[in-house]
Amino acid sequence: MPLIGYARVSTEDQTPLPQSQALKSAGCAEIHEEQASGGNRARPVLARVLERVAKGDTLVVVRIDRLARSLSHLLEVIERLEAKGAFFRSIQDPIDTASPQGKFTLQVLGAAAEFERALIRERTKAGLASARTKGRVGGNPGLRARDPGAQRKVRLARQDGYMERLNETAQDWVPHVRRLRPDMAWEDVLRIINGPLPEARRWTQSRLLRAVNAYVRDGFLAETVLGRAGRRETDDRLPAIVAGIKGADPDITLQAICDRLEAMRERTPRGRTSWQPSSVKMLLERAKRLGIL
């Protein structure tokens, strides 16, 4: 069972060496290091690791806080690993999703997260009910009076909440957008993003464009990603799509690319729905000749 280590430090003056040594001692032959804030979910190294992890692999960290600073983020990462048939292990915490005890611990954490959300909902309902019995109207008085200052605060709060939700999904789409735009049309970028995602987490083009515009506005993505895609010859479209899938995961197999193309409902150059590795290999070679890959 391949063990893949992930080590993270928050600042440049910190060193990931102690974590890497502990991961190596735990049996990790492959170790990825990253310098990034734990509160930032859009970490390129972590995104690549989660994209490349395969069935039977185990992602290993020294402590849970090296991977995630919130329970929701931790559960989201583990859910992505489980969707690929992979596992998660923390050396210093009692979590190993390959073991019954580790799975039980994870279930307890998930139940605790759901209980916390339920408590928040109940407190909100109770507060609103209490306010109504005292004759108070719910909502912001400043908004009811159309006060510009109050309206601005609400807009900023909503924007902060939106960006927080975007950060939770950034690893699904930011690396693809950064790598493929503006060379590839949005509809093809969208198909590549949605290919490995479960249906409940797939994006629409309007939602993706809104997210990209928000990240460009805040400086997380270069403005060039919003540029107009150049007109591509019809014969170049399939090589570009295959190159996009390969570029996201250099170690992906030809058969896995076939599976991804079939999930995207992309037809072969001859119009068939079933893909063969030989067809993918031919398109990859063409992509190299065109300078796409």
C-alpha atoms as a PDB file:
ATOM      1  CA  MET A   1       0.000   0.000   0.000  1.00  0.00           C
ATOM      2  CA  PRO A   2       1.850   3.190  -1.177  1.00  0.00           C
ATOM      3  CA  LEU A   3       2.211   5.864   1.521  1.00  0.00           C
ATOM      4  CA  ILE A   4       2.220   9.493   0.336  1.00  0.00           C
ATOM      5  CA  GLY A   5       3.410  12.072   2.858  1.00  0.00           C
ATOM      6  CA  TYR A   6       2.250  15.698   3.052  1.00  0.00           C
ATOM      7  CA  ALA A   7       4.127  18.260   5.157  1.00  0.00           C
ATOM      8  CA  ARG A   8       3.060  21.896   5.568  1.00  0.00           C
ATOM      9  CA  VAL A   9       4.562  24.943   7.286  1.00  0.00           C
ATOM     10  CA  SER A  10       2.885  28.341   7.555  1.00  0.00           C
ATOM     11  CA  THR A  11       5.817  30.736   7.042  1.00  0.00           C
ATOM     12  CA  GLU A  12       9.090  30.836   5.131  1.00  0.00           C
ATOM     13  CA  ASP A  13      11.161  30.920   8.343  1.00  0.00           C
ATOM     14  CA  GLN A  14       9.750  27.541   9.379  1.00  0.00           C
ATOM     15  CA  THR A  15      11.178  24.288   8.052  1.00  0.00           C
ATOM     16  CA  PRO A  16       9.192  21.190   7.076  1.00  0.00           C
ATOM     17  CA  LEU A  17      12.275  18.994   7.748  1.00  0.00           C
ATOM     18  CA  PRO A  18      11.034  17.516  11.094  1.00  0.00           C
ATOM     19  CA  GLN A  19       7.707  16.599   9.485  1.00  0.00           C
ATOM     20  CA  SER A  20       9.422  15.093   6.447  1.00  0.00           C
ATOM     21  CA  GLN A  21      11.725  13.018   8.655  1.00  0.00           C
ATOM     22  CA  ALA A  22       8.747  11.718  10.654  1.00  0.00           C
ATOM     23  CA  LEU A  23       6.895  10.883   7.430  1.00  0.00           C
ATOM     24  CA  LYS A  24       9.954   9.091   6.059  1.00  0.00           C
ATOM     25  CA  SER A  25      10.238   7.089   9.311  1.00  0.00           C
ATOM     26  CA  ALA A  26       6.557   6.152   8.925  1.00  0.00           C
ATOM     27  CA  GLY A  27       7.354   4.560   5.550  1.00  0.00           C
ATOM     28  CA  CYS A  28       6.495   7.350   3.095  1.00  0.00           C
ATOM     29  CA  ALA A  29       8.620   6.987  -0.015  1.00  0.00           C
ATOM     30  CA  GLU A  30       6.959  10.016  -1.618  1.00  0.00           C
ATOM     31  CA  ILE A  31       6.767  13.254   0.409  1.00  0.00           C
ATOM     32  CA  HIS A  32       5.304  16.598  -0.700  1.00  0.00           C
ATOM     33  CA  GLU A  33       6.190  19.823   1.131  1.00  0.00           C
ATOM     34  CA  GLU A  34       4.228  23.087   1.064  1.00  0.00           C
ATOM     35  CA  GLN A  35       4.505  26.546   2.581  1.00  0.00           C
ATOM     36  CA  ALA A  36       0.982  27.921   3.054  1.00  0.00           C
ATOM     37  CA  SER A  37      -1.473  29.010   5.720  1.00  0.00           C
ATOM     38  CA  GLY A  38      -3.577  26.226   7.199  1.00  0.00           C
ATOM     39  CA  GLY A  39      -6.678  28.373   6.772  1.00  0.00           C
ATOM     40  CA  ASN A  40      -6.089  28.586   3.009  1.00  0.00           C
ATOM     41  CA  ARG A  41      -7.783  25.663   1.269  1.00  0.00           C
ATOM     42  CA  ALA A  42      -6.485  26.670  -2.179  1.00  0.00           C
ATOM     43  CA  ARG A  43      -3.057  25.062  -1.769  1.00  0.00           C
ATOM     44  CA  PRO A  44      -1.520  24.025  -5.108  1.00  0.00           C
ATOM     45  CA  VAL A  45       0.689  21.234  -3.703  1.00  0.00           C
ATOM     46  CA  LEU A  46      -2.204  19.668  -1.766  1.00  0.00           C
ATOM     47  CA  ALA A  47      -4.435  20.018  -4.837  1.00  0.00           C
ATOM     48  CA  ARG A  48      -1.893  18.115  -6.976  1.00  0.00           C
ATOM     49  CA  VAL A  49      -1.532  15.397  -4.345  1.00  0.00           C
ATOM     50  CA  LEU A  50      -5.304  14.884  -4.131  1.00  0.00           C
ATOM     51  CA  GLU A  51      -5.575  14.872  -7.918  1.00  0.00           C
ATOM     52  CA  ARG A  52      -2.847  12.229  -8.351  1.00  0.00           C
ATOM     53  CA  VAL A  53      -3.719   9.923  -5.457  1.00  0.00           C
ATOM     54  CA  ALA A  54      -4.843   6.494  -6.668  1.00  0.00           C
ATOM     55  CA  LYS A  55      -6.803   3.547  -5.340  1.00  0.00           C
ATOM     56  CA  GLY A  56      -5.007   1.880  -2.432  1.00  0.00           C
ATOM     57  CA  ASP A  57      -2.792   4.896  -1.660  1.00  0.00           C
ATOM     58  CA  THR A  58      -2.673   6.394   1.842  1.00  0.00           C
ATOM     59  CA  LEU A  59      -2.175  10.121   2.440  1.00  0.00           C
ATOM     60  CA  VAL A  60      -0.106  10.548   5.630  1.00  0.00           C
ATOM     61  CA  VAL A  61       0.441  13.667   7.775  1.00  0.00           C
ATOM     62  CA  VAL A  62       2.253  14.133  11.073  1.00  0.00           C
ATOM     63  CA  ARG A  63      -0.714  15.904  12.694  1.00  0.00           C
ATOM     64  CA  ILE A  64      -4.220  16.741  11.513  1.00  0.00           C
ATOM     65  CA  ASP A  65      -3.562  20.505  11.676  1.00  0.00           C
ATOM     66  CA  ARG A  66      -0.867  20.091   8.990  1.00  0.00           C
ATOM     67  CA  LEU A  67      -3.663  19.120   6.594  1.00  0.00           C
ATOM     68  CA  ALA A  68      -6.717  21.049   7.788  1.00  0.00           C
ATOM     69  CA  ARG A  69      -7.570  23.690  10.355  1.00  0.00           C
ATOM     70  CA  SER A  70     -11.296  22.942  10.381  1.00  0.00           C
ATOM     71  CA  LEU A  71     -13.305  19.768  10.793  1.00  0.00           C
ATOM     72  CA  SER A  72     -15.282  20.512   7.629  1.00  0.00           C
ATOM     73  CA  HIS A  73     -12.083  20.735   5.544  1.00  0.00           C
ATOM     74  CA  LEU A  74     -10.694  17.533   7.067  1.00  0.00           C
ATOM     75  CA  LEU A  75     -13.879  15.608   6.308  1.00  0.00           C
ATOM     76  CA  GLU A  76     -13.974  17.054   2.778  1.00  0.00           C
ATOM     77  CA  VAL A  77     -10.411  15.859   2.031  1.00  0.00           C
ATOM     78  CA  ILE A  78     -11.108  12.401   3.460  1.00  0.00           C
ATOM     79  CA  GLU A  79     -14.295  12.208   1.386  1.00  0.00           C
ATOM     80  CA  ARG A  80     -12.258  12.932  -1.759  1.00  0.00           C
ATOM     81  CA  LEU A  81      -9.757  10.230  -0.828  1.00  0.00           C
ATOM     82  CA  GLU A  82     -12.502   7.679  -0.149  1.00  0.00           C
ATOM     83  CA  ALA A  83     -14.108   8.475  -3.505  1.00  0.00           C
ATOM     84  CA  LYS A  84     -10.831   7.341  -5.120  1.00  0.00           C
ATOM     85  CA  GLY A  85     -10.480   4.265  -2.920  1.00  0.00           C
ATOM     86  CA  ALA A  86      -7.608   5.869  -0.988  1.00  0.00           C
ATOM     87  CA  PHE A  87      -7.029   6.239   2.762  1.00  0.00           C
ATOM     88  CA  PHE A  88      -5.878   8.847   5.283  1.00  0.00           C
ATOM     89  CA  ARG A  89      -3.571   8.517   8.288  1.00  0.00           C
ATOM     90  CA  SER A  90      -2.341  10.971  10.919  1.00  0.00           C
ATOM     91  CA  ILE A  91       0.767   9.811  12.790  1.00  0.00           C
ATOM     92  CA  GLN A  92       0.089  11.671  16.039  1.00  0.00           C
ATOM     93  CA  ASP A  93      -3.730  11.421  16.011  1.00  0.00           C
ATOM     94  CA  PRO A  94      -5.892   8.266  16.254  1.00  0.00           C
ATOM     95  CA  ILE A  95      -7.063   8.440  12.643  1.00  0.00           C
ATOM     96  CA  ASP A  96      -6.310   5.767  10.075  1.00  0.00           C
ATOM     97  CA  THR A  97      -9.241   5.266   7.722  1.00  0.00           C
ATOM     98  CA  ALA A  98      -7.808   1.896   6.666  1.00  0.00           C
ATOM     99  CA  SER A  99      -8.509   0.521  10.169  1.00  0.00           C
ATOM    100  CA  PRO A 100     -11.861  -0.069  11.937  1.00  0.00           C
ATOM    101  CA  GLN A 101     -10.770   2.125  14.870  1.00  0.00           C
ATOM    102  CA  GLY A 102      -9.815   4.962  12.540  1.00  0.00           C
ATOM    103  CA  LYS A 103     -13.122   4.720  10.707  1.00  0.00           C
ATOM    104  CA  PHE A 104     -14.971   4.858  14.023  1.00  0.00           C
ATOM    105  CA  THR A 105     -13.040   7.973  15.065  1.00  0.00           C
ATOM    106  CA  LEU A 106     -13.943   9.574  11.743  1.00  0.00           C
ATOM    107  CA  GLN A 107     -17.622   8.745  12.241  1.00  0.00           C
ATOM    108  CA  VAL A 108     -17.491  10.360  15.693  1.00  0.00           C
ATOM    109  CA  LEU A 109     -15.951  13.499  14.190  1.00  0.00           C
ATOM    110  CA  GLY A 110     -18.610  13.607  11.486  1.00  0.00           C
ATOM    111  CA  ALA A 111     -21.382  13.189  14.076  1.00  0.00           C
ATOM    112  CA  ALA A 112     -19.848  15.971  16.176  1.00  0.00           C
ATOM    113  CA  ALA A 113     -19.793  18.302  13.169  1.00  0.00           C
ATOM    114  CA  GLU A 114     -23.442  17.560  12.379  1.00  0.00           C
ATOM    115  CA  PHE A 115     -24.391  18.021  16.072  1.00  0.00           C
ATOM    116  CA  GLU A 116     -22.657  21.412  16.094  1.00  0.00           C
ATOM    117  CA  ARG A 117     -24.576  22.503  12.983  1.00  0.00           C
ATOM    118  CA  ALA A 118     -27.858  21.318  14.548  1.00  0.00           C
ATOM    119  CA  LEU A 119     -27.151  23.303  17.739  1.00  0.00           C
ATOM    120  CA  ILE A 120     -26.490  26.458  15.710  1.00  0.00           C
ATOM    121  CA  ARG A 121     -29.776  26.005  13.823  1.00  0.00           C
ATOM    122  CA  GLU A 122     -31.715  25.454  17.058  1.00  0.00           C
ATOM    123  CA  ARG A 123     -30.149  28.489  18.760  1.00  0.00           C
ATOM    124  CA  THR A 124     -31.017  30.635  15.750  1.00  0.00           C
ATOM    125  CA  LYS A 125     -34.646  29.434  15.758  1.00  0.00           C
ATOM    126  CA  ALA A 126     -34.958  29.973  19.525  1.00  0.00           C
ATOM    127  CA  GLY A 127     -33.528  33.480  19.250  1.00  0.00           C
ATOM    128  CA  LEU A 128     -35.955  34.454  16.502  1.00  0.00           C
ATOM    129  CA  ALA A 129     -38.919  33.010  18.418  1.00  0.00           C
ATOM    130  CA  SER A 130     -37.927  34.881  21.588  1.00  0.00           C
ATOM    131  CA  ALA A 131     -37.613  38.135  19.636  1.00  0.00           C
ATOM    132  CA  ARG A 132     -41.086  37.694  18.122  1.00  0.00           C
ATOM    133  CA  THR A 133     -42.702  37.127  21.547  1.00  0.00           C
ATOM    134  CA  LYS A 134     -41.173  40.424  22.714  1.00  0.00           C
ATOM    135  CA  GLY A 135     -42.547  42.249  19.684  1.00  0.00           C
ATOM    136  CA  ARG A 136     -39.214  42.711  17.984  1.00  0.00           C
ATOM    137  CA  VAL A 137     -38.962  42.302  14.220  1.00  0.00           C
ATOM    138  CA  GLY A 138     -36.173  40.098  12.968  1.00  0.00           C
ATOM    139  CA  GLY A 139     -33.491  41.424  10.694  1.00  0.00           C
ATOM    140  CA  ASN A 140     -31.132  44.372  10.606  1.00  0.00           C
ATOM    141  CA  PRO A 141     -32.769  47.731  11.527  1.00  0.00           C
ATOM    142  CA  GLY A 142     -30.265  49.545   9.351  1.00  0.00           C
ATOM    143  CA  LEU A 143     -31.299  47.479   6.339  1.00  0.00           C
ATOM    144  CA  ARG A 144     -34.969  48.143   6.992  1.00  0.00           C
ATOM    145  CA  ALA A 145     -34.137  51.849   7.047  1.00  0.00           C
ATOM    146  CA  ARG A 146     -32.005  51.434   3.884  1.00  0.00           C
ATOM    147  CA  ASP A 147     -28.969  52.809   5.692  1.00  0.00           C
ATOM    148  CA  PRO A 148     -25.990  52.796   3.205  1.00  0.00           C
ATOM    149  CA  GLY A 149     -23.499  51.867   5.934  1.00  0.00           C
ATOM    150  CA  ALA A 150     -25.547  48.873   7.063  1.00  0.00           C
ATOM    151  CA  GLN A 151     -26.066  47.758   3.468  1.00  0.00           C
ATOM    152  CA  ARG A 152     -22.332  47.949   2.806  1.00  0.00           C
ATOM    153  CA  LYS A 153     -21.570  45.819   5.906  1.00  0.00           C
ATOM    154  CA  VAL A 154     -24.040  43.166   4.754  1.00  0.00           C
ATOM    155  CA  ARG A 155     -22.519  43.138   1.256  1.00  0.00           C
ATOM    156  CA  LEU A 156     -19.038  42.684   2.697  1.00  0.00           C
ATOM    157  CA  ALA A 157     -20.213  39.922   5.028  1.00  0.00           C
ATOM    158  CA  ARG A 158     -21.902  38.106   2.175  1.00  0.00           C
ATOM    159  CA  GLN A 159     -18.781  38.517   0.039  1.00  0.00           C
ATOM    160  CA  ASP A 160     -16.601  37.107   2.838  1.00  0.00           C
ATOM    161  CA  GLY A 161     -18.962  34.144   3.239  1.00  0.00           C
ATOM    162  CA  TYR A 162     -18.928  33.525  -0.507  1.00  0.00           C
ATOM    163  CA  MET A 163     -15.121  33.609  -0.656  1.00  0.00           C
ATOM    164  CA  GLU A 164     -14.915  31.211   2.294  1.00  0.00           C
ATOM    165  CA  ARG A 165     -17.177  28.747   0.478  1.00  0.00           C
ATOM    166  CA  LEU A 166     -15.090  29.161  -2.690  1.00  0.00           C
ATOM    167  CA  ASN A 167     -11.888  28.410  -0.783  1.00  0.00           C
ATOM    168  CA  GLU A 168     -13.401  25.098   0.306  1.00  0.00           C
ATOM    169  CA  THR A 169     -13.730  24.015  -3.353  1.00  0.00           C
ATOM    170  CA  ALA A 170     -10.705  25.802  -4.844  1.00  0.00           C
ATOM    171  CA  GLN A 171      -8.642  22.628  -5.193  1.00  0.00           C
ATOM    172  CA  ASP A 172     -11.319  21.279  -7.563  1.00  0.00           C
ATOM    173  CA  TRP A 173     -11.097  24.074 -10.139  1.00  0.00           C
ATOM    174  CA  VAL A 174      -8.307  26.632  -9.543  1.00  0.00           C
ATOM    175  CA  PRO A 175      -5.406  24.449 -10.833  1.00  0.00           C
ATOM    176  CA  HIS A 176      -7.342  23.653 -14.033  1.00  0.00           C
ATOM    177  CA  VAL A 177      -8.304  27.284 -14.688  1.00  0.00           C
ATOM    178  CA  ARG A 178      -4.765  28.481 -13.996  1.00  0.00           C
ATOM    179  CA  ARG A 179      -3.319  25.886 -16.378  1.00  0.00           C
ATOM    180  CA  LEU A 180      -5.869  25.815 -19.218  1.00  0.00           C
ATOM    181  CA  ARG A 181      -7.148  29.374 -19.577  1.00  0.00           C
ATOM    182  CA  PRO A 182      -7.289  31.255 -21.899  1.00  0.00           C
ATOM    183  CA  ASP A 183      -5.921  28.630 -24.303  1.00  0.00           C
ATOM    184  CA  MET A 184      -9.027  26.453 -23.926  1.00  0.00           C
ATOM    185  CA  ALA A 185     -12.697  27.416 -24.209  1.00  0.00           C
ATOM    186  CA  TRP A 186     -14.696  27.619 -20.975  1.00  0.00           C
ATOM    187  CA  GLU A 187     -17.027  24.775 -21.929  1.00  0.00           C
ATOM    188  CA  ASP A 188     -14.075  22.387 -22.370  1.00  0.00           C
ATOM    189  CA  VAL A 189     -12.388  23.585 -19.159  1.00  0.00           C
ATOM    190  CA  LEU A 190     -15.679  22.960 -17.364  1.00  0.00           C
ATOM    191  CA  ARG A 191     -15.869  19.393 -18.674  1.00  0.00           C
ATOM    192  CA  ILE A 192     -12.324  18.658 -17.511  1.00  0.00           C
ATOM    193  CA  ILE A 193     -13.105  20.095 -14.050  1.00  0.00           C
ATOM    194  CA  ASN A 194     -16.321  18.110 -13.702  1.00  0.00           C
ATOM    195  CA  GLY A 195     -14.841  14.852 -15.028  1.00  0.00           C
ATOM    196  CA  PRO A 196     -13.525  13.437 -11.707  1.00  0.00           C
ATOM    197  CA  LEU A 197     -16.126  15.110  -9.467  1.00  0.00           C
ATOM    198  CA  PRO A 198     -19.237  13.418  -8.056  1.00  0.00           C
ATOM    199  CA  GLU A 199     -22.456  14.800  -9.526  1.00  0.00           C
ATOM    200  CA  ALA A 200     -23.329  16.748  -6.368  1.00  0.00           C
ATOM    201  CA  ARG A 201     -20.092  18.789  -6.647  1.00  0.00           C
ATOM    202  CA  ARG A 202     -20.100  19.529 -10.374  1.00  0.00           C
ATOM    203  CA  TRP A 203     -20.003  23.099 -11.642  1.00  0.00           C
ATOM    204  CA  THR A 204     -22.146  25.028 -14.107  1.00  0.00           C
ATOM    205  CA  GLN A 205     -20.421  27.454 -16.446  1.00  0.00           C
ATOM    206  CA  SER A 206     -22.111  30.528 -14.921  1.00  0.00           C
ATOM    207  CA  ARG A 207     -21.134  29.460 -11.390  1.00  0.00           C
ATOM    208  CA  LEU A 208     -17.547  28.782 -12.481  1.00  0.00           C
ATOM    209  CA  LEU A 209     -17.243  32.175 -14.203  1.00  0.00           C
ATOM    210  CA  ARG A 210     -18.552  33.930 -11.097  1.00  0.00           C
ATOM    211  CA  ALA A 211     -15.966  32.102  -8.981  1.00  0.00           C
ATOM    212  CA  VAL A 212     -13.131  32.904 -11.396  1.00  0.00           C
ATOM    213  CA  ASN A 213     -14.113  36.592 -11.503  1.00  0.00           C
ATOM    214  CA  ALA A 214     -14.079  36.698  -7.692  1.00  0.00           C
ATOM    215  CA  TYR A 215     -10.613  35.112  -7.542  1.00  0.00           C
ATOM    216  CA  VAL A 216      -9.286  37.479 -10.225  1.00  0.00           C
ATOM    217  CA  ARG A 217     -10.726  40.471  -8.335  1.00  0.00           C
ATOM    218  CA  ASP A 218      -8.962  39.402  -5.117  1.00  0.00           C
ATOM    219  CA  GLY A 219      -5.674  38.604  -6.884  1.00  0.00           C
ATOM    220  CA  PHE A 220      -5.766  34.796  -6.499  1.00  0.00           C
ATOM    221  CA  LEU A 221      -5.844  34.315 -10.282  1.00  0.00           C
ATOM    222  CA  ALA A 222      -4.238  36.360 -13.065  1.00  0.00           C
ATOM    223  CA  GLU A 223      -6.588  38.528 -15.096  1.00  0.00           C
ATOM    224  CA  THR A 224      -5.369  36.786 -18.254  1.00  0.00           C
ATOM    225  CA  VAL A 225      -7.526  33.720 -17.452  1.00  0.00           C
ATOM    226  CA  LEU A 226     -10.567  35.825 -18.401  1.00  0.00           C
ATOM    227  CA  GLY A 227      -9.200  36.573 -21.869  1.00  0.00           C
ATOM    228  CA  ARG A 228     -10.975  35.387 -24.990  1.00  0.00           C
ATOM    229  CA  ALA A 229      -9.977  31.884 -26.021  1.00  0.00           C
ATOM    230  CA  GLY A 230      -8.347  31.743 -29.422  1.00  0.00           C
ATOM    231  CA  ARG A 231     -10.203  29.992 -32.199  1.00  0.00           C
ATOM    232  CA  ARG A 232      -9.021  26.401 -32.306  1.00  0.00           C
ATOM    233  CA  GLU A 233      -9.134  24.181 -35.341  1.00  0.00           C
ATOM    234  CA  THR A 234     -11.731  21.395 -35.042  1.00  0.00           C
ATOM    235  CA  ASP A 235      -9.007  18.741 -35.346  1.00  0.00           C
ATOM    236  CA  ASP A 236      -7.088  20.329 -32.444  1.00  0.00           C
ATOM    237  CA  ARG A 237      -9.917  20.248 -29.911  1.00  0.00           C
ATOM    238  CA  LEU A 238      -9.585  16.602 -28.812  1.00  0.00           C
ATOM    239  CA  PRO A 239      -5.772  16.763 -28.462  1.00  0.00           C
ATOM    240  CA  ALA A 240      -6.233  19.874 -26.306  1.00  0.00           C
ATOM    241  CA  ILE A 241      -8.767  18.142 -24.035  1.00  0.00           C
ATOM    242  CA  VAL A 242      -6.600  15.030 -23.666  1.00  0.00           C
ATOM    243  CA  ALA A 243      -3.570  17.245 -22.987  1.00  0.00           C
ATOM    244  CA  GLY A 244      -5.576  19.084 -20.324  1.00  0.00           C
ATOM    245  CA  ILE A 245      -6.399  15.829 -18.533  1.00  0.00           C
ATOM    246  CA  LYS A 246      -2.804  14.619 -18.801  1.00  0.00           C
ATOM    247  CA  GLY A 247      -1.435  17.953 -17.611  1.00  0.00           C
ATOM    248  CA  ALA A 248      -3.518  17.774 -14.429  1.00  0.00           C
ATOM    249  CA  ASP A 249      -2.091  14.346 -13.611  1.00  0.00           C
ATOM    250  CA  PRO A 250       1.153  13.485 -15.454  1.00  0.00           C
ATOM    251  CA  ASP A 251       1.067   9.932 -14.041  1.00  0.00           C
ATOM    252  CA  ILE A 252      -2.472   9.150 -15.222  1.00  0.00           C
ATOM    253  CA  THR A 253      -2.717   5.990 -17.356  1.00  0.00           C
ATOM    254  CA  LEU A 254      -4.079   5.843 -20.893  1.00  0.00           C
ATOM    255  CA  GLN A 255      -6.994   3.704 -19.661  1.00  0.00           C
ATOM    256  CA  ALA A 256      -7.808   6.231 -16.933  1.00  0.00           C
ATOM    257  CA  ILE A 257      -7.909   8.972 -19.574  1.00  0.00           C
ATOM    258  CA  CYS A 258     -10.287   6.768 -21.591  1.00  0.00           C
ATOM    259  CA  ASP A 259     -12.536   6.448 -18.541  1.00  0.00           C
ATOM    260  CA  ARG A 260     -12.436  10.205 -17.969  1.00  0.00           C
ATOM    261  CA  LEU A 261     -13.355  10.949 -21.607  1.00  0.00           C
ATOM    262  CA  GLU A 262     -16.248   8.491 -21.480  1.00  0.00           C
ATOM    263  CA  ALA A 263     -17.480  10.095 -18.240  1.00  0.00           C
ATOM    264  CA  MET A 264     -17.341  13.448 -20.045  1.00  0.00           C
ATOM    265  CA  ARG A 265     -19.344  11.844 -22.908  1.00  0.00           C
ATOM    266  CA  GLU A 266     -16.660  12.946 -25.343  1.00  0.00           C
ATOM    267  CA  ARG A 267     -16.753  11.073 -28.636  1.00  0.00           C
ATOM    268  CA  THR A 268     -13.701   9.580 -30.316  1.00  0.00           C
ATOM    269  CA  PRO A 269     -12.301  11.077 -33.550  1.00  0.00           C
ATOM    270  CA  ARG A 270     -14.481   8.519 -35.379  1.00  0.00           C
ATOM    271  CA  GLY A 271     -17.593   9.482 -33.444  1.00  0.00           C
ATOM    272  CA  ARG A 272     -17.710   6.464 -31.125  1.00  0.00           C
ATOM    273  CA  THR A 273     -18.613   6.584 -27.435  1.00  0.00           C
ATOM    274  CA  SER A 274     -16.125   3.917 -26.307  1.00  0.00           C
ATOM    275  CA  TRP A 275     -12.473   4.980 -26.058  1.00  0.00           C
ATOM    276  CA  GLN A 276      -9.364   2.845 -26.506  1.00  0.00           C
ATOM    277  CA  PRO A 277      -5.872   3.570 -25.109  1.00  0.00           C
ATOM    278  CA  SER A 278      -4.464   3.586 -28.647  1.00  0.00           C
ATOM    279  CA  SER A 279      -6.734   6.514 -29.577  1.00  0.00           C
ATOM    280  CA  VAL A 280      -5.659   8.455 -26.489  1.00  0.00           C
ATOM    281  CA  LYS A 281      -1.989   7.760 -27.235  1.00  0.00           C
ATOM    282  CA  MET A 282      -2.449   9.069 -30.780  1.00  0.00           C
ATOM    283  CA  LEU A 283      -4.074  12.277 -29.485  1.00  0.00           C
ATOM    284  CA  LEU A 284      -1.318  12.792 -26.906  1.00  0.00           C
ATOM    285  CA  GLU A 285       1.309  12.472 -29.639  1.00  0.00           C
ATOM    286  CA  ARG A 286      -0.591  15.009 -31.737  1.00  0.00           C
ATOM    287  CA  ALA A 287      -0.811  17.335 -28.726  1.00  0.00           C
ATOM    288  CA  LYS A 288       2.983  17.157 -28.363  1.00  0.00           C
ATOM    289  CA  ARG A 289       3.477  18.003 -32.035  1.00  0.00           C
ATOM    290  CA  LEU A 290       1.114  20.968 -31.689  1.00  0.00           C
ATOM    291  CA  GLY A 291       2.958  22.174 -28.592  1.00  0.00           C
ATOM    292  CA  ILE A 292      -0.174  21.837 -26.437  1.00  0.00           C
ATOM    293  CA  LEU A 293       1.253  19.279 -24.014  1.00  0.00           C
END
